Amino acid sequence: MADHALAEFLVAKRAALPPEAFPLPTRGARRVPGLRRDEVAQMSGISVDYYTRLEQGRERHPSPAVISGLARALSLTPDESAHLHLLCGVVPKERPAPERGLGDVLPRMLDSWPRTPAFVLDPLLDIVALNSLARALFSAFAHTRNLAEMTFLDEAGKAFHADWDRAAASCVAALRATRHLGDRARLAELLATLGEDARFAALWARYDVEPKTRERKVLVHDEVGELALDFQTFAIGGSPGHELVAYQAEPGSESERRLLALRRTR
């Protein structure tokens, strides 16, 4: 997988770029989506032959200058650019501190938030801690082991997200953004399991890279109905790639009333 990851990333990102968004000369009908190899090569400042070797997996270690040119030509986001650097073997100068685990304080803190569903994700979206209100929120799922597995493999996942397509794409992009910080054996196991789902496989092949930050979601609980919730993520010091995710309803809203009603049913 590692030998072809860079090539697959470049192909996916080139195919996703609309030609009409660039000042390119008209050269007849295009047979495939996105830009042509020679167009990306020209905008990157490299030869077509060299770019072709990158996409064919025959060259996997371009220079920092070439990486920057590729990121610019492919209109990569900062997160996608960082991912490209990692695929090329260019690691950040500052290495993350060794993981020290969550300890007892953070789980105890989560349990002290009776009005806020909250949980902790590791780099592979495994849920390593969650409070009682989060358990109540996820009560329809068979397990709360991994957020991606819940989204794609659990029958409850489709009904839980009012906009499942958006939630699924966001989940895959977040997994790709932090997977390099996770355990390799667990990553291989997870991708083998998720890869059996055609919807996951299609999204994974897009090479979208976007860590979870904050967003409004509409979730549908089988007991209390629709919940419009805002979530925010927080990095956990000492545990690279681990994030605290907290949900909150608008104060005084119907969603808050339903969320608190859900708490009282437990």
C-alpha atoms as a PDB file:
ATOM      1  CA  MET A   1       0.000   0.000   0.000  1.00  0.00           C
ATOM      2  CA  ALA A   2       2.749   2.452   0.932  1.00  0.00           C
ATOM      3  CA  ASP A   3       4.547   2.051  -2.423  1.00  0.00           C
ATOM      4  CA  HIS A   4       1.526   3.281  -4.362  1.00  0.00           C
ATOM      5  CA  ALA A   5      -0.036   5.714  -1.885  1.00  0.00           C
ATOM      6  CA  LEU A   6       1.668   8.782  -3.396  1.00  0.00           C
ATOM      7  CA  ALA A   7       0.741   7.777  -6.951  1.00  0.00           C
ATOM      8  CA  GLU A   8      -2.885   7.129  -5.979  1.00  0.00           C
ATOM      9  CA  PHE A   9      -3.086  10.442  -4.133  1.00  0.00           C
ATOM     10  CA  LEU A  10      -1.816  12.406  -7.151  1.00  0.00           C
ATOM     11  CA  VAL A  11      -4.151  10.631  -9.554  1.00  0.00           C
ATOM     12  CA  ALA A  12      -7.164  11.218  -7.300  1.00  0.00           C
ATOM     13  CA  LYS A  13      -6.410  14.890  -6.752  1.00  0.00           C
ATOM     14  CA  ARG A  14      -5.701  15.560 -10.424  1.00  0.00           C
ATOM     15  CA  ALA A  15      -8.981  13.889 -11.421  1.00  0.00           C
ATOM     16  CA  ALA A  16     -10.912  16.020  -8.924  1.00  0.00           C
ATOM     17  CA  LEU A  17      -9.798  19.363 -10.405  1.00  0.00           C
ATOM     18  CA  PRO A  18     -12.280  21.008 -12.830  1.00  0.00           C
ATOM     19  CA  PRO A  19     -10.372  22.179 -15.954  1.00  0.00           C
ATOM     20  CA  GLU A  20     -12.655  25.191 -16.328  1.00  0.00           C
ATOM     21  CA  ALA A  21     -11.262  26.592 -13.072  1.00  0.00           C
ATOM     22  CA  PHE A  22      -7.828  27.068 -14.684  1.00  0.00           C
ATOM     23  CA  PRO A  23      -6.695  29.332 -17.547  1.00  0.00           C
ATOM     24  CA  LEU A  24      -5.865  26.412 -19.824  1.00  0.00           C
ATOM     25  CA  PRO A  25      -5.864  26.408 -23.644  1.00  0.00           C
ATOM     26  CA  THR A  26      -8.644  24.471 -25.365  1.00  0.00           C
ATOM     27  CA  ARG A  27      -7.290  21.232 -26.817  1.00  0.00           C
ATOM     28  CA  GLY A  28     -10.319  19.225 -27.806  1.00  0.00           C
ATOM     29  CA  ALA A  29     -12.496  16.856 -25.818  1.00  0.00           C
ATOM     30  CA  ARG A  30     -11.142  15.411 -22.590  1.00  0.00           C
ATOM     31  CA  ARG A  31     -11.352  11.642 -22.255  1.00  0.00           C
ATOM     32  CA  VAL A  32     -10.993  11.561 -18.446  1.00  0.00           C
ATOM     33  CA  PRO A  33     -12.143  13.854 -15.615  1.00  0.00           C
ATOM     34  CA  GLY A  34      -9.891  16.566 -14.263  1.00  0.00           C
ATOM     35  CA  LEU A  35      -6.626  17.965 -15.544  1.00  0.00           C
ATOM     36  CA  ARG A  36      -4.181  16.260 -17.854  1.00  0.00           C
ATOM     37  CA  ARG A  37      -0.770  15.130 -16.617  1.00  0.00           C
ATOM     38  CA  ASP A  38       1.061  17.662 -18.746  1.00  0.00           C
ATOM     39  CA  GLU A  39      -1.086  20.483 -17.334  1.00  0.00           C
ATOM     40  CA  VAL A  40      -0.271  19.555 -13.736  1.00  0.00           C
ATOM     41  CA  ALA A  41       3.396  19.119 -14.641  1.00  0.00           C
ATOM     42  CA  GLN A  42       3.537  22.562 -16.252  1.00  0.00           C
ATOM     43  CA  MET A  43       1.873  24.266 -13.282  1.00  0.00           C
ATOM     44  CA  SER A  44       4.189  22.379 -10.898  1.00  0.00           C
ATOM     45  CA  GLY A  45       7.326  23.445 -12.765  1.00  0.00           C
ATOM     46  CA  ILE A  46       8.465  19.898 -13.560  1.00  0.00           C
ATOM     47  CA  SER A  47       8.724  17.806 -16.720  1.00  0.00           C
ATOM     48  CA  VAL A  48       5.844  15.661 -17.912  1.00  0.00           C
ATOM     49  CA  ASP A  49       8.111  12.604 -17.778  1.00  0.00           C
ATOM     50  CA  TYR A  50       8.947  13.208 -14.113  1.00  0.00           C
ATOM     51  CA  TYR A  51       5.316  13.789 -13.176  1.00  0.00           C
ATOM     52  CA  THR A  52       4.322  10.626 -15.061  1.00  0.00           C
ATOM     53  CA  ARG A  53       6.874   8.652 -13.060  1.00  0.00           C
ATOM     54  CA  LEU A  54       5.351  10.038  -9.847  1.00  0.00           C
ATOM     55  CA  GLU A  55       1.862   8.912 -10.877  1.00  0.00           C
ATOM     56  CA  GLN A  56       3.143   5.516 -11.960  1.00  0.00           C
ATOM     57  CA  GLY A  57       4.907   4.934  -8.655  1.00  0.00           C
ATOM     58  CA  ARG A  58       8.379   4.853 -10.247  1.00  0.00           C
ATOM     59  CA  GLU A  59       9.435   7.965  -8.311  1.00  0.00           C
ATOM     60  CA  ARG A  60       8.379   8.336  -4.682  1.00  0.00           C
ATOM     61  CA  HIS A  61      10.730  10.888  -3.138  1.00  0.00           C
ATOM     62  CA  PRO A  62      10.431  14.270  -4.853  1.00  0.00           C
ATOM     63  CA  SER A  63      12.319  17.235  -3.448  1.00  0.00           C
ATOM     64  CA  PRO A  64      10.625  19.757  -1.106  1.00  0.00           C
ATOM     65  CA  ALA A  65      10.501  22.250  -3.996  1.00  0.00           C
ATOM     66  CA  VAL A  66       8.685  19.749  -6.201  1.00  0.00           C
ATOM     67  CA  ILE A  67       6.294  18.867  -3.377  1.00  0.00           C
ATOM     68  CA  SER A  68       5.443  22.540  -2.922  1.00  0.00           C
ATOM     69  CA  GLY A  69       4.884  22.906  -6.672  1.00  0.00           C
ATOM     70  CA  LEU A  70       2.581  19.889  -6.721  1.00  0.00           C
ATOM     71  CA  ALA A  71       0.592  21.188  -3.754  1.00  0.00           C
ATOM     72  CA  ARG A  72       0.146  24.529  -5.500  1.00  0.00           C
ATOM     73  CA  ALA A  73      -0.784  23.012  -8.860  1.00  0.00           C
ATOM     74  CA  LEU A  74      -3.291  20.588  -7.338  1.00  0.00           C
ATOM     75  CA  SER A  75      -4.860  23.329  -5.174  1.00  0.00           C
ATOM     76  CA  LEU A  76      -4.313  21.272  -2.028  1.00  0.00           C
ATOM     77  CA  THR A  77      -5.615  22.439   1.315  1.00  0.00           C
ATOM     78  CA  PRO A  78      -3.062  22.844   4.148  1.00  0.00           C
ATOM     79  CA  ASP A  79      -4.088  19.437   5.523  1.00  0.00           C
ATOM     80  CA  GLU A  80      -3.807  17.795   2.108  1.00  0.00           C
ATOM     81  CA  SER A  81      -0.425  19.437   1.583  1.00  0.00           C
ATOM     82  CA  ALA A  82       0.807  18.074   4.913  1.00  0.00           C
ATOM     83  CA  HIS A  83      -0.454  14.654   3.878  1.00  0.00           C
ATOM     84  CA  LEU A  84       1.426  14.920   0.565  1.00  0.00           C
ATOM     85  CA  HIS A  85       4.636  15.703   2.444  1.00  0.00           C
ATOM     86  CA  LEU A  86       4.164  12.593   4.582  1.00  0.00           C
ATOM     87  CA  LEU A  87       3.545  10.429   1.511  1.00  0.00           C
ATOM     88  CA  CYS A  88       6.823  11.735   0.073  1.00  0.00           C
ATOM     89  CA  GLY A  89       8.710  10.829   3.252  1.00  0.00           C
ATOM     90  CA  VAL A  90       9.070  14.418   4.455  1.00  0.00           C
ATOM     91  CA  VAL A  91       8.175  14.489   8.156  1.00  0.00           C
ATOM     92  CA  PRO A  92       7.683  17.582  10.320  1.00  0.00           C
ATOM     93  CA  LYS A  93      10.818  18.865  12.001  1.00  0.00           C
ATOM     94  CA  GLU A  94       9.115  18.766  15.387  1.00  0.00           C
ATOM     95  CA  ARG A  95       8.234  15.197  16.280  1.00  0.00           C
ATOM     96  CA  PRO A  96       5.161  14.674  18.446  1.00  0.00           C
ATOM     97  CA  ALA A  97       5.714  13.942  22.104  1.00  0.00           C
ATOM     98  CA  PRO A  98       5.460  10.264  23.036  1.00  0.00           C
ATOM     99  CA  GLU A  99       1.958   9.186  23.955  1.00  0.00           C
ATOM    100  CA  ARG A 100       1.332   8.997  27.685  1.00  0.00           C
ATOM    101  CA  GLY A 101      -2.258   7.728  27.596  1.00  0.00           C
ATOM    102  CA  LEU A 102      -5.357   9.515  28.808  1.00  0.00           C
ATOM    103  CA  GLY A 103      -4.930   8.850  32.510  1.00  0.00           C
ATOM    104  CA  ASP A 104      -7.873   9.164  34.890  1.00  0.00           C
ATOM    105  CA  VAL A 105      -8.498  12.922  34.854  1.00  0.00           C
ATOM    106  CA  LEU A 106      -9.946  13.302  31.360  1.00  0.00           C
ATOM    107  CA  PRO A 107     -12.528  10.472  31.612  1.00  0.00           C
ATOM    108  CA  ARG A 108     -13.549  11.863  35.002  1.00  0.00           C
ATOM    109  CA  MET A 109     -13.901  15.320  33.450  1.00  0.00           C
ATOM    110  CA  LEU A 110     -16.153  13.949  30.691  1.00  0.00           C
ATOM    111  CA  ASP A 111     -18.407  12.326  33.281  1.00  0.00           C
ATOM    112  CA  SER A 112     -18.797  15.691  35.017  1.00  0.00           C
ATOM    113  CA  TRP A 113     -20.538  17.162  31.935  1.00  0.00           C
ATOM    114  CA  PRO A 114     -24.171  16.043  32.314  1.00  0.00           C
ATOM    115  CA  ARG A 115     -25.468  18.339  29.521  1.00  0.00           C
ATOM    116  CA  THR A 116     -22.731  17.651  26.951  1.00  0.00           C
ATOM    117  CA  PRO A 117     -22.189  14.416  25.004  1.00  0.00           C
ATOM    118  CA  ALA A 118     -18.412  14.044  24.797  1.00  0.00           C
ATOM    119  CA  PHE A 119     -15.954  11.370  23.738  1.00  0.00           C
ATOM    120  CA  VAL A 120     -12.282  10.887  22.845  1.00  0.00           C
ATOM    121  CA  LEU A 121     -11.068   9.622  19.466  1.00  0.00           C
ATOM    122  CA  ASP A 122      -7.641   8.158  18.775  1.00  0.00           C
ATOM    123  CA  PRO A 123      -5.889   8.740  15.389  1.00  0.00           C
ATOM    124  CA  LEU A 124      -7.815   5.841  13.804  1.00  0.00           C
ATOM    125  CA  LEU A 125     -11.194   7.079  15.087  1.00  0.00           C
ATOM    126  CA  ASP A 126     -11.372   4.423  17.775  1.00  0.00           C
ATOM    127  CA  ILE A 127     -13.488   5.770  20.654  1.00  0.00           C
ATOM    128  CA  VAL A 128     -11.301   5.369  23.733  1.00  0.00           C
ATOM    129  CA  ALA A 129     -13.498   7.223  26.254  1.00  0.00           C
ATOM    130  CA  LEU A 130     -17.039   8.594  26.337  1.00  0.00           C
ATOM    131  CA  ASN A 131     -19.397   9.963  28.940  1.00  0.00           C
ATOM    132  CA  SER A 132     -22.874   8.773  29.856  1.00  0.00           C
ATOM    133  CA  LEU A 133     -24.717  11.261  27.629  1.00  0.00           C
ATOM    134  CA  ALA A 134     -22.602  10.206  24.637  1.00  0.00           C
ATOM    135  CA  ARG A 135     -23.504   6.578  25.392  1.00  0.00           C
ATOM    136  CA  ALA A 136     -27.160   7.578  25.418  1.00  0.00           C
ATOM    137  CA  LEU A 137     -26.722   9.452  22.133  1.00  0.00           C
ATOM    138  CA  PHE A 138     -25.137   6.376  20.514  1.00  0.00           C
ATOM    139  CA  SER A 139     -27.510   3.869  22.126  1.00  0.00           C
ATOM    140  CA  ALA A 140     -28.871   2.587  18.789  1.00  0.00           C
ATOM    141  CA  PHE A 141     -25.449   1.319  17.687  1.00  0.00           C
ATOM    142  CA  ALA A 142     -24.363  -2.253  18.331  1.00  0.00           C
ATOM    143  CA  HIS A 143     -21.034  -0.982  19.674  1.00  0.00           C
ATOM    144  CA  THR A 144     -19.088   2.251  20.047  1.00  0.00           C
ATOM    145  CA  ARG A 145     -15.666   0.849  19.172  1.00  0.00           C
ATOM    146  CA  ASN A 146     -14.844   2.970  16.118  1.00  0.00           C
ATOM    147  CA  LEU A 147     -16.572   5.979  14.551  1.00  0.00           C
ATOM    148  CA  ALA A 148     -15.938   4.842  10.980  1.00  0.00           C
ATOM    149  CA  GLU A 149     -17.238   1.349  11.672  1.00  0.00           C
ATOM    150  CA  MET A 150     -20.344   2.861  13.271  1.00  0.00           C
ATOM    151  CA  THR A 151     -20.920   5.071  10.235  1.00  0.00           C
ATOM    152  CA  PHE A 152     -20.397   2.481   7.504  1.00  0.00           C
ATOM    153  CA  LEU A 153     -20.943  -0.970   8.974  1.00  0.00           C
ATOM    154  CA  ASP A 154     -23.637  -0.560  11.611  1.00  0.00           C
ATOM    155  CA  GLU A 155     -27.245  -0.603  10.388  1.00  0.00           C
ATOM    156  CA  ALA A 156     -28.013   2.267  12.762  1.00  0.00           C
ATOM    157  CA  GLY A 157     -25.483   4.561  11.068  1.00  0.00           C
ATOM    158  CA  LYS A 158     -27.595   5.412   8.024  1.00  0.00           C
ATOM    159  CA  ALA A 159     -30.598   6.505  10.102  1.00  0.00           C
ATOM    160  CA  PHE A 160     -28.517   8.291  12.740  1.00  0.00           C
ATOM    161  CA  HIS A 161     -27.124  10.956  10.379  1.00  0.00           C
ATOM    162  CA  ALA A 162     -29.710  13.179   8.679  1.00  0.00           C
ATOM    163  CA  ASP A 163     -27.089  13.867   5.987  1.00  0.00           C
ATOM    164  CA  TRP A 164     -25.315  10.519   5.862  1.00  0.00           C
ATOM    165  CA  ASP A 165     -23.321  11.294   2.708  1.00  0.00           C
ATOM    166  CA  ARG A 166     -21.757  14.351   4.305  1.00  0.00           C
ATOM    167  CA  ALA A 167     -21.049  12.534   7.560  1.00  0.00           C
ATOM    168  CA  ALA A 168     -19.468   9.601   5.727  1.00  0.00           C
ATOM    169  CA  ALA A 169     -17.198  11.823   3.611  1.00  0.00           C
ATOM    170  CA  SER A 170     -16.141  13.789   6.682  1.00  0.00           C
ATOM    171  CA  CYS A 171     -15.377  10.590   8.572  1.00  0.00           C
ATOM    172  CA  VAL A 172     -13.143   9.205   5.816  1.00  0.00           C
ATOM    173  CA  ALA A 173     -11.311  12.508   5.329  1.00  0.00           C
ATOM    174  CA  ALA A 174     -10.623  12.700   9.076  1.00  0.00           C
ATOM    175  CA  LEU A 175      -9.288   9.134   9.168  1.00  0.00           C
ATOM    176  CA  ARG A 176      -6.912   9.834   6.303  1.00  0.00           C
ATOM    177  CA  ALA A 177      -5.704  13.031   8.006  1.00  0.00           C
ATOM    178  CA  THR A 178      -4.537  11.298  11.192  1.00  0.00           C
ATOM    179  CA  ARG A 179      -3.944   7.666  10.194  1.00  0.00           C
ATOM    180  CA  HIS A 180      -0.157   8.103  10.083  1.00  0.00           C
ATOM    181  CA  LEU A 181      -0.206   8.659  13.860  1.00  0.00           C
ATOM    182  CA  GLY A 182      -2.041   5.424  14.595  1.00  0.00           C
ATOM    183  CA  ASP A 183      -0.890   1.878  15.207  1.00  0.00           C
ATOM    184  CA  ARG A 184      -0.009   0.278  11.855  1.00  0.00           C
ATOM    185  CA  ALA A 185      -1.397  -3.138  12.674  1.00  0.00           C
ATOM    186  CA  ARG A 186      -4.680  -1.655  13.858  1.00  0.00           C
ATOM    187  CA  LEU A 187      -4.824   0.545  10.732  1.00  0.00           C
ATOM    188  CA  ALA A 188      -4.377  -2.478   8.459  1.00  0.00           C
ATOM    189  CA  GLU A 189      -7.101  -4.338  10.348  1.00  0.00           C
ATOM    190  CA  LEU A 190      -9.466  -1.371  10.201  1.00  0.00           C
ATOM    191  CA  LEU A 191      -8.949  -0.703   6.481  1.00  0.00           C
ATOM    192  CA  ALA A 192      -9.443  -4.392   5.680  1.00  0.00           C
ATOM    193  CA  THR A 193     -12.757  -4.357   7.538  1.00  0.00           C
ATOM    194  CA  LEU A 194     -13.998  -1.037   6.166  1.00  0.00           C
ATOM    195  CA  GLY A 195     -12.736  -1.782   2.658  1.00  0.00           C
ATOM    196  CA  GLU A 196     -15.422  -4.446   2.269  1.00  0.00           C
ATOM    197  CA  ASP A 197     -17.981  -1.623   2.154  1.00  0.00           C
ATOM    198  CA  ALA A 198     -18.182  -0.175  -1.374  1.00  0.00           C
ATOM    199  CA  ARG A 199     -19.207   3.257  -0.101  1.00  0.00           C
ATOM    200  CA  PHE A 200     -16.128   3.491   2.117  1.00  0.00           C
ATOM    201  CA  ALA A 201     -13.849   2.213  -0.647  1.00  0.00           C
ATOM    202  CA  ALA A 202     -15.111   4.881  -3.048  1.00  0.00           C
ATOM    203  CA  LEU A 203     -14.594   7.693  -0.534  1.00  0.00           C
ATOM    204  CA  TRP A 204     -11.167   6.380   0.502  1.00  0.00           C
ATOM    205  CA  ALA A 205     -10.082   6.414  -3.150  1.00  0.00           C
ATOM    206  CA  ARG A 206     -10.859  10.152  -3.350  1.00  0.00           C
ATOM    207  CA  TYR A 207      -7.932  10.929  -1.007  1.00  0.00           C
ATOM    208  CA  ASP A 208      -9.756  13.749   0.769  1.00  0.00           C
ATOM    209  CA  VAL A 209      -7.797  14.910   3.814  1.00  0.00           C
ATOM    210  CA  GLU A 210      -9.553  17.024   6.428  1.00  0.00           C
ATOM    211  CA  PRO A 211      -9.301  16.527  10.191  1.00  0.00           C
ATOM    212  CA  LYS A 212     -12.346  17.037  12.360  1.00  0.00           C
ATOM    213  CA  THR A 213     -12.627  20.608  13.669  1.00  0.00           C
ATOM    214  CA  ARG A 214     -16.126  21.957  14.213  1.00  0.00           C
ATOM    215  CA  GLU A 215     -19.437  21.682  12.442  1.00  0.00           C
ATOM    216  CA  ARG A 216     -23.182  21.583  12.944  1.00  0.00           C
ATOM    217  CA  LYS A 217     -24.812  18.181  12.536  1.00  0.00           C
ATOM    218  CA  VAL A 218     -28.363  16.976  12.575  1.00  0.00           C
ATOM    219  CA  LEU A 219     -28.563  13.593  14.268  1.00  0.00           C
ATOM    220  CA  VAL A 220     -31.671  11.432  14.497  1.00  0.00           C
ATOM    221  CA  HIS A 221     -32.093   9.515  17.741  1.00  0.00           C
ATOM    222  CA  ASP A 222     -34.601   6.684  17.704  1.00  0.00           C
ATOM    223  CA  GLU A 223     -36.130   7.816  21.022  1.00  0.00           C
ATOM    224  CA  VAL A 224     -36.154  11.622  20.986  1.00  0.00           C
ATOM    225  CA  GLY A 225     -35.999  12.463  17.278  1.00  0.00           C
ATOM    226  CA  GLU A 226     -33.875  15.073  15.474  1.00  0.00           C
ATOM    227  CA  LEU A 227     -31.069  16.831  17.321  1.00  0.00           C
ATOM    228  CA  ALA A 228     -29.305  19.843  15.790  1.00  0.00           C
ATOM    229  CA  LEU A 229     -25.937  19.790  17.540  1.00  0.00           C
ATOM    230  CA  ASP A 230     -22.702  21.750  17.159  1.00  0.00           C
ATOM    231  CA  PHE A 231     -19.499  19.830  17.735  1.00  0.00           C
ATOM    232  CA  GLN A 232     -16.006  21.081  18.478  1.00  0.00           C
ATOM    233  CA  THR A 233     -12.789  19.083  18.652  1.00  0.00           C
ATOM    234  CA  PHE A 234      -9.834  19.707  20.966  1.00  0.00           C
ATOM    235  CA  ALA A 235      -6.353  18.208  20.630  1.00  0.00           C
ATOM    236  CA  ILE A 236      -5.160  16.317  23.703  1.00  0.00           C
ATOM    237  CA  GLY A 237      -1.640  17.201  24.789  1.00  0.00           C
ATOM    238  CA  GLY A 238       0.681  14.237  25.218  1.00  0.00           C
ATOM    239  CA  SER A 239      -1.481  11.982  23.019  1.00  0.00           C
ATOM    240  CA  PRO A 240      -0.690  12.754  19.353  1.00  0.00           C
ATOM    241  CA  GLY A 241      -3.710  12.434  17.100  1.00  0.00           C
ATOM    242  CA  HIS A 242      -6.151  12.049  19.989  1.00  0.00           C
ATOM    243  CA  GLU A 243      -9.060  14.476  20.062  1.00  0.00           C
ATOM    244  CA  LEU A 244     -11.797  15.356  22.490  1.00  0.00           C
ATOM    245  CA  VAL A 245     -15.115  15.769  20.672  1.00  0.00           C
ATOM    246  CA  ALA A 246     -17.897  17.671  22.443  1.00  0.00           C
ATOM    247  CA  TYR A 247     -21.464  18.173  21.208  1.00  0.00           C
ATOM    248  CA  GLN A 248     -23.757  20.977  22.332  1.00  0.00           C
ATOM    249  CA  ALA A 249     -27.286  22.055  21.500  1.00  0.00           C
ATOM    250  CA  GLU A 250     -28.306  25.692  21.162  1.00  0.00           C
ATOM    251  CA  PRO A 251     -29.376  26.890  24.641  1.00  0.00           C
ATOM    252  CA  GLY A 252     -33.154  26.980  24.970  1.00  0.00           C
ATOM    253  CA  SER A 253     -33.710  25.134  21.692  1.00  0.00           C
ATOM    254  CA  GLU A 254     -35.925  22.135  21.025  1.00  0.00           C
ATOM    255  CA  SER A 255     -32.748  20.124  20.436  1.00  0.00           C
ATOM    256  CA  GLU A 256     -31.524  20.988  23.920  1.00  0.00           C
ATOM    257  CA  ARG A 257     -34.848  19.950  25.402  1.00  0.00           C
ATOM    258  CA  ARG A 258     -34.697  16.626  23.570  1.00  0.00           C
ATOM    259  CA  LEU A 259     -31.083  16.070  24.534  1.00  0.00           C
ATOM    260  CA  LEU A 260     -31.869  16.621  28.211  1.00  0.00           C
ATOM    261  CA  ALA A 261     -34.900  14.352  27.874  1.00  0.00           C
ATOM    262  CA  LEU A 262     -32.574  11.684  26.508  1.00  0.00           C
ATOM    263  CA  ARG A 263     -30.403  12.104  29.589  1.00  0.00           C
ATOM    264  CA  ARG A 264     -33.391  11.575  31.873  1.00  0.00           C
ATOM    265  CA  THR A 265     -34.318   8.300  30.167  1.00  0.00           C
ATOM    266  CA  ARG A 266     -31.037   6.689  31.154  1.00  0.00           C
END
